[in-house]
Amino acid sequence: MHFAPDTEASLAFTVDLANTVAGATKNGLDELTTSAHLTTLFLTHRFSGRLDQDDAELAEVRVARDLLRRIWLLERDDAALEVNTMLLSALARPRLMRHDGLDWHLHATDPEAPLAERIRVEVALALVDVIRTDETGRLRACAAEDCDGILVDLSRNGSKRFCSIRCGNRMNMIAFRERAAHDA
């Protein structure tokens, strides 16, 4: 499955943001507890615009993270309603932009808008593409029973089940041990 590059980038960002919750991280701890964590995520994903690096911004992004995690797993029609609400609440006005070496892509908020608002709107724009192409089934929860991670499946055959290689390997090892115990 291929979406526009900015859509795929927003979906990848959403997965990385959402998977900072305690149940989805390697160490089992929330990985979005400081402004430094948020800044790293911001820079890694080449977010543009204002970055306050204060506790208020961090709190707002954590709320946005929870909202996006919830929307990610909704049925298509319910997700569409949530996307419309996010776009309306931000008074989003989509426009094509080029900046920082990136080719034309969509933005719908002012670069000086609060980071959490820009995140919600950019993810909403990506979800518009996913919903319009009827590909919401590619947005999933990790199949590992002990993981709260989410994933976007951009594979050709749509068979991705785990949020990380770590989860896939762990579940394969569990299945192997269960088969070995059953055969013994």
Protein backbone atom coordinates (compact mmCIF):
# COMPACT_ATOMS: atom_id res chain seq x y z
CA MET A 1 0.00 0.00 0.00
CA HIS A 2 1.37 3.39 -0.94
CA PHE A 3 0.15 6.77 0.20
CA ALA A 4 1.63 10.18 -0.55
CA PRO A 5 5.00 10.65 1.18
CA ASP A 6 3.64 13.21 3.65
CA THR A 7 0.78 10.87 4.56
CA GLU A 8 3.19 8.00 5.19
CA ALA A 9 5.43 10.30 7.24
CA SER A 10 2.47 11.42 9.38
CA LEU A 11 1.35 7.84 9.91
CA ALA A 12 4.89 6.82 10.93
CA PHE A 13 5.06 9.77 13.30
CA THR A 14 1.72 8.76 14.84
CA VAL A 15 2.97 5.23 15.45
CA ASP A 16 6.16 6.53 17.06
CA LEU A 17 4.25 9.02 19.21
CA ALA A 18 1.56 6.52 20.22
CA ASN A 19 4.12 3.84 21.01
CA THR A 20 5.76 5.98 23.69
CA VAL A 21 3.14 4.71 26.18
CA ALA A 22 4.37 2.36 28.88
CA GLY A 23 2.77 -0.80 27.47
CA ALA A 24 4.42 -0.36 24.06
CA THR A 25 8.02 0.48 24.95
CA LYS A 26 11.02 -1.83 25.33
CA ASN A 27 11.58 -0.80 28.92
CA GLY A 28 7.89 -0.77 29.88
CA LEU A 29 8.03 2.91 30.84
CA ASP A 30 6.35 5.94 29.32
CA GLU A 31 8.90 7.48 26.96
CA LEU A 32 7.20 10.86 26.68
CA THR A 33 7.70 12.32 30.13
CA THR A 34 10.05 15.23 29.47
CA SER A 35 10.35 18.09 27.03
CA ALA A 36 13.63 16.52 25.89
CA HIS A 37 11.75 13.37 24.82
CA LEU A 38 9.28 15.51 22.89
CA THR A 39 12.07 17.53 21.26
CA THR A 40 13.77 14.33 20.09
CA LEU A 41 10.52 13.11 18.53
CA PHE A 42 9.95 16.55 16.96
CA LEU A 43 13.43 16.60 15.39
CA THR A 44 13.45 12.93 14.36
CA HIS A 45 10.27 13.41 12.37
CA ARG A 46 11.30 16.80 10.98
CA PHE A 47 8.30 18.62 12.40
CA SER A 48 8.35 22.27 11.50
CA GLY A 49 7.07 25.30 13.35
CA ARG A 50 6.93 26.38 16.95
CA LEU A 51 8.36 24.24 19.72
CA ASP A 52 7.94 25.70 23.23
CA GLN A 53 9.73 22.92 25.15
CA ASP A 54 7.74 23.51 28.32
CA ASP A 55 5.55 21.39 30.59
CA ALA A 56 2.30 22.79 29.18
CA GLU A 57 3.24 21.76 25.64
CA LEU A 58 4.30 18.31 26.83
CA ALA A 59 0.96 17.85 28.63
CA GLU A 60 -1.00 18.90 25.53
CA VAL A 61 0.96 16.51 23.30
CA ARG A 62 0.36 13.67 25.76
CA VAL A 63 -3.39 14.36 25.55
CA ALA A 64 -3.11 14.40 21.72
CA ARG A 65 -1.22 11.08 21.90
CA ASP A 66 -4.09 9.47 23.81
CA LEU A 67 -6.66 10.85 21.36
CA LEU A 68 -4.71 9.59 18.35
CA ARG A 69 -4.27 6.14 19.91
CA ARG A 70 -8.04 5.95 20.38
CA ILE A 71 -8.87 7.15 16.86
CA TRP A 72 -6.32 4.75 15.31
CA LEU A 73 -8.41 1.73 16.26
CA LEU A 74 -11.87 3.09 15.43
CA GLU A 75 -14.05 1.78 12.65
CA ARG A 76 -13.89 3.81 9.44
CA ASP A 77 -17.06 5.89 9.92
CA ASP A 78 -16.25 6.68 13.55
CA ALA A 79 -12.71 7.65 12.59
CA ALA A 80 -14.08 9.98 9.90
CA LEU A 81 -16.21 11.78 12.48
CA GLU A 82 -13.21 12.22 14.78
CA VAL A 83 -11.04 13.48 11.91
CA ASN A 84 -13.68 16.04 10.96
CA THR A 85 -13.87 17.18 14.58
CA MET A 86 -10.08 17.62 14.79
CA LEU A 87 -9.98 19.61 11.56
CA LEU A 88 -12.93 21.80 12.54
CA SER A 89 -11.67 22.52 16.03
CA ALA A 90 -8.37 23.78 14.62
CA LEU A 91 -10.05 25.80 11.86
CA ALA A 92 -7.81 23.87 9.48
CA ARG A 93 -7.15 25.39 6.08
CA PRO A 94 -5.16 22.91 3.96
CA ARG A 95 -2.49 24.31 1.67
CA LEU A 96 0.50 22.94 -0.19
CA MET A 97 3.91 23.99 1.13
CA ARG A 98 7.59 23.35 0.45
CA HIS A 99 10.16 23.96 3.16
CA ASP A 100 13.29 22.58 4.78
CA GLY A 101 14.22 20.56 1.69
CA LEU A 102 10.85 18.79 1.58
CA ASP A 103 8.85 18.76 -1.63
CA TRP A 104 5.19 19.85 -1.82
CA HIS A 105 3.13 18.53 1.05
CA LEU A 106 0.06 19.54 3.01
CA HIS A 107 -0.13 21.77 6.04
CA ALA A 108 -3.38 23.06 7.46
CA THR A 109 -2.34 25.07 10.49
CA ASP A 110 -0.15 28.06 11.10
CA PRO A 111 3.46 27.12 11.96
CA GLU A 112 3.05 29.16 15.14
CA ALA A 113 0.02 27.16 16.31
CA PRO A 114 0.63 25.03 19.41
CA LEU A 115 2.46 21.78 18.67
CA ALA A 116 -0.38 19.52 19.87
CA GLU A 117 -2.77 21.26 17.48
CA ARG A 118 -0.35 20.90 14.57
CA ILE A 119 0.10 17.22 15.40
CA ARG A 120 -3.65 16.57 15.53
CA VAL A 121 -4.23 18.37 12.23
CA GLU A 122 -1.32 16.76 10.36
CA VAL A 123 -2.39 13.32 11.52
CA ALA A 124 -6.00 14.14 10.61
CA LEU A 125 -4.87 15.03 7.08
CA ALA A 126 -3.07 11.68 6.81
CA LEU A 127 -6.13 9.86 8.13
CA VAL A 128 -8.24 11.60 5.46
CA ASP A 129 -6.21 9.70 2.84
CA VAL A 130 -6.50 6.43 4.75
CA ILE A 131 -10.26 6.80 5.17
CA ARG A 132 -10.89 7.94 1.57
CA THR A 133 -9.02 4.92 0.20
CA ASP A 134 -10.88 2.59 2.60
CA GLU A 135 -7.62 1.38 4.13
CA THR A 136 -8.37 1.88 7.83
CA GLY A 137 -7.79 -1.85 8.26
CA ARG A 138 -4.08 -1.09 7.86
CA LEU A 139 -4.16 0.82 11.14
CA ARG A 140 -4.01 -1.79 13.89
CA ALA A 141 -3.09 -2.76 17.38
CA CYS A 142 -0.03 -4.97 17.81
CA ALA A 143 -1.00 -8.66 17.82
CA ALA A 144 1.33 -9.40 20.75
CA GLU A 145 -0.90 -10.08 23.75
CA ASP A 146 1.36 -8.21 26.16
CA CYS A 147 1.86 -5.09 23.99
CA ASP A 148 -0.18 -1.89 23.77
CA GLY A 149 1.58 -0.78 20.59
CA ILE A 150 -0.07 0.25 17.36
CA LEU A 151 1.14 -0.09 13.79
CA VAL A 152 0.49 0.99 10.25
CA ASP A 153 0.75 -1.81 7.71
CA LEU A 154 2.11 -0.44 4.44
CA SER A 155 3.10 -3.89 3.14
CA ARG A 156 1.79 -5.03 -0.21
CA ASN A 157 -0.19 -7.97 1.18
CA GLY A 158 -1.38 -6.27 4.37
CA SER A 159 -0.07 -9.00 6.65
CA LYS A 160 1.93 -7.03 9.23
CA ARG A 161 0.86 -8.08 12.72
CA PHE A 162 3.37 -6.68 15.17
CA CYS A 163 4.49 -3.16 16.03
CA SER A 164 8.15 -4.19 16.10
CA ILE A 165 10.54 -6.99 15.29
CA ARG A 166 10.92 -7.41 19.06
CA CYS A 167 7.21 -8.24 19.46
CA GLY A 168 7.22 -10.55 16.43
CA ASN A 169 10.27 -12.46 17.66
CA ARG A 170 8.88 -12.73 21.19
CA MET A 171 5.54 -14.10 19.97
CA ASN A 172 7.25 -16.52 17.57
CA MET A 173 9.40 -17.82 20.43
CA ILE A 174 6.33 -18.28 22.64
CA ALA A 175 4.55 -20.18 19.83
CA PHE A 176 7.67 -22.32 19.25
CA ARG A 177 7.92 -23.22 22.93
CA GLU A 178 4.22 -24.08 23.08
CA ARG A 179 4.56 -26.37 20.04
CA ALA A 180 7.67 -28.01 21.50
CA ALA A 181 5.92 -28.60 24.83
CA HIS A 182 2.89 -30.06 23.06
CA ASP A 183 5.07 -32.39 20.93
CA ALA A 184 7.09 -33.59 23.93
